[in-house]
Amino acid sequence: MHENDSERVPVVSKEDIIKGLKDVGLKNGDVVFAHSSLSSFGRVTGGADTVVDALLETVGSEGTVVMPTFTWGKFHHQPKVVFDVTRTPSETGAIPEALRKKPGAMRSLHVCHSVAALGRRAKDVMGDGRSPFGPGSTFARLYDLDCVYLLLGVGFSVCTALHMVEEFMRVPYRHYRDFDGSSVRLPDGTEVPSRSVEFLKKEGYRNDLAKMESVFAAAGILRVGQVGNARVVATTIREIFDLTRDHLKRDIGFLLSEESRQLLHAKEDRHDH
């Protein structure tokens, strides 16, 4: 790794990324789910494809790389949508898009919270296309597979595994909506009815997921490294889920901002009386 003198940004190679991934414990055979920001590294030689290739090489032929290819911004507020698995671009950045476009990659069928996966267990993490985070979802499958959870240059504010805890706990500040009349266009061109539901926040509530980093750090479940300018954090989806669930059992509004928590508890108090 060296500095580009004209811009003073680190130039990052595939070898740099592989070393960084191994430094936080990623190894051959792992199933890994990664949130990422390409620009956070500095200047990556070869761009987003280099990051994907580094992940694939680190987990090897027995491993699997999974990334979010969400279309939440485009679709979550629409009454009726057509999600084209092959052609609808993701909203989660250049690195997941590079994975999605790799030969052999699969993409799941949830209209808002699809993922792309490549590797031996890709089919196993597709989920049933119904719930974004609950039973039968990709995230539930990742929990069963004891998936490594990786943040590449991003913080826990984007940690969607935390929404998995909210859905399993049926938090009272979210509600289900379905996508009746919506459809999914499969890679072979076939169009099938969407089975997806979404567990949306009710009006007036806001999450504060970033605060969970200090909770996880205090629990000793984070392995932290650096690649270029990017902070790399690794843990497992089971540790995230289990620890967060314990907090929600004590305080169902734990993942909300302080203002939203007060709103929730005030409503609960009124309901109790």
C-alpha atoms as a PDB file:
ATOM      1  CA  MET A   1       0.000   0.000   0.000  1.00  0.00           C
ATOM      2  CA  HIS A   2       1.382   3.433  -0.911  1.00  0.00           C
ATOM      3  CA  GLU A   3       0.234   7.040  -1.071  1.00  0.00           C
ATOM      4  CA  ASN A   4      -0.753   8.835  -4.221  1.00  0.00           C
ATOM      5  CA  ASP A   5       1.230  12.048  -3.767  1.00  0.00           C
ATOM      6  CA  SER A   6      -1.106  14.186  -5.855  1.00  0.00           C
ATOM      7  CA  GLU A   7      -4.182  13.424  -3.776  1.00  0.00           C
ATOM      8  CA  ARG A   8      -2.732  12.060  -0.533  1.00  0.00           C
ATOM      9  CA  VAL A   9      -5.022   9.066  -0.545  1.00  0.00           C
ATOM     10  CA  PRO A  10      -3.813   5.510   0.007  1.00  0.00           C
ATOM     11  CA  VAL A  11      -3.628   3.243  -3.008  1.00  0.00           C
ATOM     12  CA  VAL A  12      -4.956  -0.166  -1.963  1.00  0.00           C
ATOM     13  CA  SER A  13      -4.246  -3.466  -3.719  1.00  0.00           C
ATOM     14  CA  LYS A  14      -6.061  -6.790  -3.609  1.00  0.00           C
ATOM     15  CA  GLU A  15      -3.216  -8.163  -1.482  1.00  0.00           C
ATOM     16  CA  ASP A  16      -3.719  -5.322   1.028  1.00  0.00           C
ATOM     17  CA  ILE A  17      -7.404  -6.187   1.315  1.00  0.00           C
ATOM     18  CA  ILE A  18      -6.769  -9.924   1.693  1.00  0.00           C
ATOM     19  CA  LYS A  19      -4.254  -9.216   4.471  1.00  0.00           C
ATOM     20  CA  GLY A  20      -6.766  -6.948   6.205  1.00  0.00           C
ATOM     21  CA  LEU A  21      -9.510  -9.542   5.973  1.00  0.00           C
ATOM     22  CA  LYS A  22      -7.268 -12.233   7.420  1.00  0.00           C
ATOM     23  CA  ASP A  23      -6.192  -9.850  10.196  1.00  0.00           C
ATOM     24  CA  VAL A  24      -9.813  -9.712  11.459  1.00  0.00           C
ATOM     25  CA  GLY A  25     -10.138 -13.487  11.274  1.00  0.00           C
ATOM     26  CA  LEU A  26     -11.808 -14.176   7.925  1.00  0.00           C
ATOM     27  CA  LYS A  27     -10.678 -17.578   6.705  1.00  0.00           C
ATOM     28  CA  ASN A  28     -11.125 -20.306   4.139  1.00  0.00           C
ATOM     29  CA  GLY A  29     -14.616 -21.840   4.171  1.00  0.00           C
ATOM     30  CA  ASP A  30     -16.373 -18.937   5.911  1.00  0.00           C
ATOM     31  CA  VAL A  31     -19.790 -17.649   4.934  1.00  0.00           C
ATOM     32  CA  VAL A  32     -19.422 -13.857   5.150  1.00  0.00           C
ATOM     33  CA  PHE A  33     -21.979 -11.065   4.879  1.00  0.00           C
ATOM     34  CA  ALA A  34     -20.397  -7.678   4.126  1.00  0.00           C
ATOM     35  CA  HIS A  35     -21.578  -4.075   4.234  1.00  0.00           C
ATOM     36  CA  SER A  36     -19.135  -1.837   2.413  1.00  0.00           C
ATOM     37  CA  SER A  37     -18.049   1.537   1.084  1.00  0.00           C
ATOM     38  CA  LEU A  38     -15.593   1.542  -1.812  1.00  0.00           C
ATOM     39  CA  SER A  39     -14.566   5.179  -1.333  1.00  0.00           C
ATOM     40  CA  SER A  40     -13.689   4.558   2.326  1.00  0.00           C
ATOM     41  CA  PHE A  41     -10.568   2.573   1.362  1.00  0.00           C
ATOM     42  CA  GLY A  42      -8.924   5.339  -0.630  1.00  0.00           C
ATOM     43  CA  ARG A  43      -8.040   4.386  -4.205  1.00  0.00           C
ATOM     44  CA  VAL A  44      -8.526   0.659  -4.787  1.00  0.00           C
ATOM     45  CA  THR A  45      -6.566  -0.653  -7.751  1.00  0.00           C
ATOM     46  CA  GLY A  46      -9.165  -2.288  -9.979  1.00  0.00           C
ATOM     47  CA  GLY A  47     -12.099  -0.775  -8.091  1.00  0.00           C
ATOM     48  CA  ALA A  48     -15.058  -2.661  -6.642  1.00  0.00           C
ATOM     49  CA  ASP A  49     -14.218  -5.909  -8.428  1.00  0.00           C
ATOM     50  CA  THR A  50     -10.918  -6.029  -6.547  1.00  0.00           C
ATOM     51  CA  VAL A  51     -12.720  -5.935  -3.187  1.00  0.00           C
ATOM     52  CA  VAL A  52     -15.079  -8.718  -4.269  1.00  0.00           C
ATOM     53  CA  ASP A  53     -12.184 -10.807  -5.588  1.00  0.00           C
ATOM     54  CA  ALA A  54     -10.286 -10.325  -2.321  1.00  0.00           C
ATOM     55  CA  LEU A  55     -13.282 -11.570  -0.340  1.00  0.00           C
ATOM     56  CA  LEU A  56     -13.781 -14.558  -2.637  1.00  0.00           C
ATOM     57  CA  GLU A  57     -10.114 -15.522  -2.488  1.00  0.00           C
ATOM     58  CA  THR A  58     -10.029 -15.226   1.298  1.00  0.00           C
ATOM     59  CA  VAL A  59     -12.991 -17.567   1.855  1.00  0.00           C
ATOM     60  CA  GLY A  60     -11.904 -19.881  -0.964  1.00  0.00           C
ATOM     61  CA  SER A  61     -13.894 -22.386  -2.981  1.00  0.00           C
ATOM     62  CA  GLU A  62     -15.622 -23.745   0.147  1.00  0.00           C
ATOM     63  CA  GLY A  63     -16.685 -20.280   1.320  1.00  0.00           C
ATOM     64  CA  THR A  64     -19.494 -17.924   0.325  1.00  0.00           C
ATOM     65  CA  VAL A  65     -19.662 -14.130   0.000  1.00  0.00           C
ATOM     66  CA  VAL A  66     -23.034 -12.435   0.582  1.00  0.00           C
ATOM     67  CA  MET A  67     -23.863  -8.723   0.216  1.00  0.00           C
ATOM     68  CA  PRO A  68     -26.988  -6.570   0.412  1.00  0.00           C
ATOM     69  CA  THR A  69     -28.484  -5.602  -2.958  1.00  0.00           C
ATOM     70  CA  PHE A  70     -31.377  -3.718  -1.402  1.00  0.00           C
ATOM     71  CA  THR A  71     -33.923  -1.716  -3.399  1.00  0.00           C
ATOM     72  CA  TRP A  72     -35.673  -0.331  -0.345  1.00  0.00           C
ATOM     73  CA  GLY A  73     -35.536   3.319  -1.365  1.00  0.00           C
ATOM     74  CA  LYS A  74     -37.068   2.567  -4.746  1.00  0.00           C
ATOM     75  CA  PHE A  75     -39.778   0.148  -3.656  1.00  0.00           C
ATOM     76  CA  HIS A  76     -40.722   0.273   0.041  1.00  0.00           C
ATOM     77  CA  HIS A  77     -43.257   3.090  -0.323  1.00  0.00           C
ATOM     78  CA  GLN A  78     -44.742   1.832  -3.606  1.00  0.00           C
ATOM     79  CA  PRO A  79     -48.123   0.041  -3.486  1.00  0.00           C
ATOM     80  CA  LYS A  80     -47.232  -2.180  -6.448  1.00  0.00           C
ATOM     81  CA  VAL A  81     -43.798  -2.978  -7.882  1.00  0.00           C
ATOM     82  CA  VAL A  82     -42.017  -5.166 -10.434  1.00  0.00           C
ATOM     83  CA  PHE A  83     -38.667  -6.355  -9.097  1.00  0.00           C
ATOM     84  CA  ASP A  84     -36.439  -7.576 -11.921  1.00  0.00           C
ATOM     85  CA  VAL A  85     -33.872  -9.826 -10.251  1.00  0.00           C
ATOM     86  CA  THR A  86     -31.361  -9.407 -13.069  1.00  0.00           C
ATOM     87  CA  ARG A  87     -31.887  -5.802 -14.099  1.00  0.00           C
ATOM     88  CA  THR A  88     -33.015  -3.820 -11.053  1.00  0.00           C
ATOM     89  CA  PRO A  89     -29.822  -2.221  -9.705  1.00  0.00           C
ATOM     90  CA  SER A  90     -29.086  -2.267  -5.990  1.00  0.00           C
ATOM     91  CA  GLU A  91     -28.829   0.858  -3.851  1.00  0.00           C
ATOM     92  CA  THR A  92     -26.035  -0.342  -1.609  1.00  0.00           C
ATOM     93  CA  GLY A  93     -22.963   0.812  -3.487  1.00  0.00           C
ATOM     94  CA  ALA A  94     -20.400  -0.281  -6.049  1.00  0.00           C
ATOM     95  CA  ILE A  95     -19.083  -3.366  -4.249  1.00  0.00           C
ATOM     96  CA  PRO A  96     -22.427  -5.237  -3.919  1.00  0.00           C
ATOM     97  CA  GLU A  97     -23.195  -4.306  -7.539  1.00  0.00           C
ATOM     98  CA  ALA A  98     -19.890  -5.847  -8.606  1.00  0.00           C
ATOM     99  CA  LEU A  99     -20.747  -9.051  -6.728  1.00  0.00           C
ATOM    100  CA  ARG A 100     -24.279  -9.114  -8.169  1.00  0.00           C
ATOM    101  CA  LYS A 101     -22.882  -8.962 -11.708  1.00  0.00           C
ATOM    102  CA  LYS A 102     -20.286 -11.707 -11.211  1.00  0.00           C
ATOM    103  CA  PRO A 103     -20.818 -14.857 -13.307  1.00  0.00           C
ATOM    104  CA  GLY A 104     -22.518 -17.464 -11.144  1.00  0.00           C
ATOM    105  CA  ALA A 105     -23.816 -15.012  -8.528  1.00  0.00           C
ATOM    106  CA  MET A 106     -27.371 -15.510  -7.256  1.00  0.00           C
ATOM    107  CA  ARG A 107     -29.802 -12.842  -6.062  1.00  0.00           C
ATOM    108  CA  SER A 108     -32.657 -13.452  -3.669  1.00  0.00           C
ATOM    109  CA  LEU A 109     -36.276 -12.507  -4.391  1.00  0.00           C
ATOM    110  CA  HIS A 110     -37.311 -10.095  -1.626  1.00  0.00           C
ATOM    111  CA  VAL A 111     -38.479  -6.943  -3.383  1.00  0.00           C
ATOM    112  CA  CYS A 112     -36.821  -4.544  -0.910  1.00  0.00           C
ATOM    113  CA  HIS A 113     -34.136  -6.588   0.868  1.00  0.00           C
ATOM    114  CA  SER A 114     -32.557  -8.890  -1.694  1.00  0.00           C
ATOM    115  CA  VAL A 115     -28.981 -10.103  -1.329  1.00  0.00           C
ATOM    116  CA  ALA A 116     -26.406 -11.326  -3.833  1.00  0.00           C
ATOM    117  CA  ALA A 117     -24.329 -14.392  -3.023  1.00  0.00           C
ATOM    118  CA  LEU A 118     -21.510 -16.276  -4.690  1.00  0.00           C
ATOM    119  CA  GLY A 119     -19.932 -19.475  -3.418  1.00  0.00           C
ATOM    120  CA  ARG A 120     -20.734 -22.950  -2.179  1.00  0.00           C
ATOM    121  CA  ARG A 121     -23.615 -21.953   0.112  1.00  0.00           C
ATOM    122  CA  ALA A 122     -25.121 -19.271  -2.166  1.00  0.00           C
ATOM    123  CA  LYS A 123     -28.342 -21.215  -2.719  1.00  0.00           C
ATOM    124  CA  ASP A 124     -28.637 -21.898   1.011  1.00  0.00           C
ATOM    125  CA  VAL A 125     -28.774 -18.190   1.891  1.00  0.00           C
ATOM    126  CA  MET A 126     -31.407 -17.123  -0.634  1.00  0.00           C
ATOM    127  CA  GLY A 127     -34.319 -17.332   1.821  1.00  0.00           C
ATOM    128  CA  ASP A 128     -37.945 -17.750   0.785  1.00  0.00           C
ATOM    129  CA  GLY A 129     -38.480 -14.188  -0.478  1.00  0.00           C
ATOM    130  CA  ARG A 130     -41.222 -13.451   2.042  1.00  0.00           C
ATOM    131  CA  SER A 131     -39.890 -11.874   5.233  1.00  0.00           C
ATOM    132  CA  PRO A 132     -36.978  -9.415   5.052  1.00  0.00           C
ATOM    133  CA  PHE A 133     -35.445 -10.522   8.349  1.00  0.00           C
ATOM    134  CA  GLY A 134     -37.741 -13.012  10.099  1.00  0.00           C
ATOM    135  CA  PRO A 135     -38.084 -16.807   9.934  1.00  0.00           C
ATOM    136  CA  GLY A 136     -37.296 -18.141   6.460  1.00  0.00           C
ATOM    137  CA  SER A 137     -35.372 -15.016   5.463  1.00  0.00           C
ATOM    138  CA  THR A 138     -31.816 -14.735   4.209  1.00  0.00           C
ATOM    139  CA  PHE A 139     -30.769 -13.337   7.579  1.00  0.00           C
ATOM    140  CA  ALA A 140     -32.274 -16.301   9.422  1.00  0.00           C
ATOM    141  CA  ARG A 141     -30.320 -18.620   7.116  1.00  0.00           C
ATOM    142  CA  LEU A 142     -27.139 -16.651   7.773  1.00  0.00           C
ATOM    143  CA  TYR A 143     -27.718 -17.078  11.509  1.00  0.00           C
ATOM    144  CA  ASP A 144     -28.067 -20.850  11.041  1.00  0.00           C
ATOM    145  CA  LEU A 145     -24.785 -20.896   9.090  1.00  0.00           C
ATOM    146  CA  ASP A 146     -22.953 -18.909  11.807  1.00  0.00           C
ATOM    147  CA  CYS A 147     -22.076 -16.254   9.246  1.00  0.00           C
ATOM    148  CA  VAL A 148     -19.202 -13.810   9.722  1.00  0.00           C
ATOM    149  CA  TYR A 149     -20.573 -10.244   9.700  1.00  0.00           C
ATOM    150  CA  LEU A 150     -18.213  -7.707   8.170  1.00  0.00           C
ATOM    151  CA  LEU A 151     -18.221  -3.912   7.997  1.00  0.00           C
ATOM    152  CA  LEU A 152     -15.808  -2.508   5.399  1.00  0.00           C
ATOM    153  CA  GLY A 153     -15.434   1.221   5.957  1.00  0.00           C
ATOM    154  CA  VAL A 154     -18.968   1.674   7.332  1.00  0.00           C
ATOM    155  CA  GLY A 155     -20.416   1.772  10.836  1.00  0.00           C
ATOM    156  CA  PHE A 156     -23.206  -0.050  12.639  1.00  0.00           C
ATOM    157  CA  SER A 157     -25.749   2.517  11.451  1.00  0.00           C
ATOM    158  CA  VAL A 158     -26.061   0.299   8.340  1.00  0.00           C
ATOM    159  CA  CYS A 159     -26.170  -3.007  10.260  1.00  0.00           C
ATOM    160  CA  THR A 160     -29.384  -4.525   8.948  1.00  0.00           C
ATOM    161  CA  ALA A 161     -28.899  -7.613  11.112  1.00  0.00           C
ATOM    162  CA  LEU A 162     -30.234  -5.407  13.913  1.00  0.00           C
ATOM    163  CA  HIS A 163     -33.573  -5.190  12.063  1.00  0.00           C
ATOM    164  CA  MET A 164     -33.594  -8.985  12.221  1.00  0.00           C
ATOM    165  CA  VAL A 165     -33.793  -8.739  16.014  1.00  0.00           C
ATOM    166  CA  GLU A 166     -36.634  -6.233  15.727  1.00  0.00           C
ATOM    167  CA  GLU A 167     -38.618  -8.556  13.485  1.00  0.00           C
ATOM    168  CA  PHE A 168     -38.037 -11.674  15.587  1.00  0.00           C
ATOM    169  CA  MET A 169     -39.053  -9.699  18.704  1.00  0.00           C
ATOM    170  CA  ARG A 170     -42.073  -8.162  16.902  1.00  0.00           C
ATOM    171  CA  VAL A 171     -41.259  -4.679  18.199  1.00  0.00           C
ATOM    172  CA  PRO A 172     -44.427  -2.594  18.662  1.00  0.00           C
ATOM    173  CA  TYR A 173     -43.109   0.393  16.690  1.00  0.00           C
ATOM    174  CA  ARG A 174     -43.092  -1.539  13.408  1.00  0.00           C
ATOM    175  CA  HIS A 175     -45.906  -3.057  11.384  1.00  0.00           C
ATOM    176  CA  TYR A 176     -46.222  -5.387   8.413  1.00  0.00           C
ATOM    177  CA  ARG A 177     -47.306  -4.398   4.948  1.00  0.00           C
ATOM    178  CA  ASP A 178     -47.534  -6.711   1.966  1.00  0.00           C
ATOM    179  CA  PHE A 179     -46.888  -6.224  -1.742  1.00  0.00           C
ATOM    180  CA  ASP A 180     -50.134  -7.661  -3.114  1.00  0.00           C
ATOM    181  CA  GLY A 181     -50.263  -7.268  -6.880  1.00  0.00           C
ATOM    182  CA  SER A 182     -46.483  -6.927  -7.116  1.00  0.00           C
ATOM    183  CA  SER A 183     -44.319  -9.326  -9.065  1.00  0.00           C
ATOM    184  CA  VAL A 184     -40.770 -10.624  -9.374  1.00  0.00           C
ATOM    185  CA  ARG A 185     -39.180 -11.124 -12.783  1.00  0.00           C
ATOM    186  CA  LEU A 186     -36.848 -14.107 -12.558  1.00  0.00           C
ATOM    187  CA  PRO A 187     -33.536 -14.394 -14.456  1.00  0.00           C
ATOM    188  CA  ASP A 188     -35.205 -16.568 -17.121  1.00  0.00           C
ATOM    189  CA  GLY A 189     -37.790 -13.829 -17.774  1.00  0.00           C
ATOM    190  CA  THR A 190     -40.641 -15.558 -15.970  1.00  0.00           C
ATOM    191  CA  GLU A 191     -42.766 -13.219 -13.855  1.00  0.00           C
ATOM    192  CA  VAL A 192     -44.152 -14.592 -10.592  1.00  0.00           C
ATOM    193  CA  PRO A 193     -46.275 -12.967  -7.863  1.00  0.00           C
ATOM    194  CA  SER A 194     -44.241 -11.394  -5.076  1.00  0.00           C
ATOM    195  CA  ARG A 195     -44.506 -13.081  -1.689  1.00  0.00           C
ATOM    196  CA  SER A 196     -42.671 -10.270   0.080  1.00  0.00           C
ATOM    197  CA  VAL A 197     -43.787  -8.449   3.194  1.00  0.00           C
ATOM    198  CA  GLU A 198     -42.053  -5.509   4.846  1.00  0.00           C
ATOM    199  CA  PHE A 199     -41.727  -4.751   8.569  1.00  0.00           C
ATOM    200  CA  LEU A 200     -41.864  -0.950   8.462  1.00  0.00           C
ATOM    201  CA  LYS A 201     -41.376   1.612  11.210  1.00  0.00           C
ATOM    202  CA  LYS A 202     -44.516   3.441  12.218  1.00  0.00           C
ATOM    203  CA  GLU A 203     -44.670   7.186  11.694  1.00  0.00           C
ATOM    204  CA  GLY A 204     -42.574   9.187  14.159  1.00  0.00           C
ATOM    205  CA  TYR A 205     -40.067   6.492  15.146  1.00  0.00           C
ATOM    206  CA  ARG A 206     -36.360   6.583  14.382  1.00  0.00           C
ATOM    207  CA  ASN A 207     -33.676   3.956  14.952  1.00  0.00           C
ATOM    208  CA  ASP A 208     -30.279   4.691  16.450  1.00  0.00           C
ATOM    209  CA  LEU A 209     -28.254   1.659  15.390  1.00  0.00           C
ATOM    210  CA  ALA A 210     -24.844   3.334  15.568  1.00  0.00           C
ATOM    211  CA  LYS A 211     -24.865   3.170  19.379  1.00  0.00           C
ATOM    212  CA  MET A 212     -24.642  -0.627  19.197  1.00  0.00           C
ATOM    213  CA  GLU A 213     -20.946  -0.471  18.306  1.00  0.00           C
ATOM    214  CA  SER A 214     -20.027   0.559  21.854  1.00  0.00           C
ATOM    215  CA  VAL A 215     -22.317  -2.171  23.236  1.00  0.00           C
ATOM    216  CA  PHE A 216     -20.634  -4.814  21.071  1.00  0.00           C
ATOM    217  CA  ALA A 217     -17.151  -3.471  21.787  1.00  0.00           C
ATOM    218  CA  ALA A 218     -17.803  -3.633  25.526  1.00  0.00           C
ATOM    219  CA  ALA A 219     -18.940  -7.240  25.106  1.00  0.00           C
ATOM    220  CA  GLY A 220     -15.686  -8.076  23.337  1.00  0.00           C
ATOM    221  CA  ILE A 221     -17.275  -9.447  20.158  1.00  0.00           C
ATOM    222  CA  LEU A 222     -15.596  -7.124  17.626  1.00  0.00           C
ATOM    223  CA  ARG A 223     -12.351  -7.763  15.736  1.00  0.00           C
ATOM    224  CA  VAL A 224     -11.085  -4.473  14.319  1.00  0.00           C
ATOM    225  CA  GLY A 225      -8.520  -3.815  11.598  1.00  0.00           C
ATOM    226  CA  GLN A 226      -7.602  -1.297   8.921  1.00  0.00           C
ATOM    227  CA  VAL A 227      -7.192  -1.364   5.138  1.00  0.00           C
ATOM    228  CA  GLY A 228      -6.146   1.947   3.640  1.00  0.00           C
ATOM    229  CA  ASN A 229      -8.468   4.520   5.173  1.00  0.00           C
ATOM    230  CA  ALA A 230     -11.189   1.936   5.799  1.00  0.00           C
ATOM    231  CA  ARG A 231     -11.868   0.625   9.265  1.00  0.00           C
ATOM    232  CA  VAL A 232     -12.665  -3.080   9.042  1.00  0.00           C
ATOM    233  CA  VAL A 233     -14.854  -4.664  11.735  1.00  0.00           C
ATOM    234  CA  ALA A 234     -15.739  -8.351  11.954  1.00  0.00           C
ATOM    235  CA  THR A 235     -18.038 -10.268  14.279  1.00  0.00           C
ATOM    236  CA  THR A 236     -20.721 -12.934  13.721  1.00  0.00           C
ATOM    237  CA  ILE A 237     -24.407 -12.528  13.025  1.00  0.00           C
ATOM    238  CA  ARG A 238     -25.178 -14.844  15.962  1.00  0.00           C
ATOM    239  CA  GLU A 239     -23.290 -12.635  18.397  1.00  0.00           C
ATOM    240  CA  ILE A 240     -25.029  -9.530  17.049  1.00  0.00           C
ATOM    241  CA  PHE A 241     -28.461 -11.149  17.261  1.00  0.00           C
ATOM    242  CA  ASP A 242     -28.102 -12.851  20.632  1.00  0.00           C
ATOM    243  CA  LEU A 243     -26.625  -9.840  22.425  1.00  0.00           C
ATOM    244  CA  THR A 244     -29.130  -7.394  20.923  1.00  0.00           C
ATOM    245  CA  ARG A 245     -32.062  -9.679  21.712  1.00  0.00           C
ATOM    246  CA  ASP A 246     -31.000  -9.693  25.359  1.00  0.00           C
ATOM    247  CA  HIS A 247     -31.160  -5.885  25.379  1.00  0.00           C
ATOM    248  CA  LEU A 248     -34.581  -5.835  23.691  1.00  0.00           C
ATOM    249  CA  LYS A 249     -35.936  -8.297  26.224  1.00  0.00           C
ATOM    250  CA  ARG A 250     -35.102  -5.744  28.914  1.00  0.00           C
ATOM    251  CA  ASP A 251     -36.119  -2.685  26.873  1.00  0.00           C
ATOM    252  CA  ILE A 252     -38.120  -3.283  23.686  1.00  0.00           C
ATOM    253  CA  GLY A 253     -37.218   0.223  22.470  1.00  0.00           C
ATOM    254  CA  PHE A 254     -33.463  -0.221  22.895  1.00  0.00           C
ATOM    255  CA  LEU A 255     -32.694   0.205  19.164  1.00  0.00           C
ATOM    256  CA  LEU A 256     -34.577   3.490  18.928  1.00  0.00           C
ATOM    257  CA  SER A 257     -33.240   7.019  19.293  1.00  0.00           C
ATOM    258  CA  GLU A 258     -33.731   8.466  22.776  1.00  0.00           C
ATOM    259  CA  GLU A 259     -36.614  10.645  21.598  1.00  0.00           C
ATOM    260  CA  SER A 260     -38.346   7.669  19.951  1.00  0.00           C
ATOM    261  CA  ARG A 261     -37.802   5.488  23.028  1.00  0.00           C
ATOM    262  CA  GLN A 262     -39.523   8.088  25.187  1.00  0.00           C
ATOM    263  CA  LEU A 263     -42.406   8.245  22.713  1.00  0.00           C
ATOM    264  CA  LEU A 264     -42.765   4.450  22.778  1.00  0.00           C
ATOM    265  CA  HIS A 265     -42.652   4.183  26.559  1.00  0.00           C
ATOM    266  CA  ALA A 266     -45.132   7.050  26.945  1.00  0.00           C
ATOM    267  CA  LYS A 267     -47.577   5.185  24.678  1.00  0.00           C
ATOM    268  CA  GLU A 268     -46.996   1.984  26.637  1.00  0.00           C
ATOM    269  CA  ASP A 269     -47.701   3.813  29.908  1.00  0.00           C
ATOM    270  CA  ARG A 270     -50.948   5.253  28.522  1.00  0.00           C
ATOM    271  CA  HIS A 271     -51.939   1.779  27.332  1.00  0.00           C
ATOM    272  CA  ASP A 272     -51.214   0.305  30.771  1.00  0.00           C
ATOM    273  CA  HIS A 273     -53.491   2.836  32.376  1.00  0.00           C
END
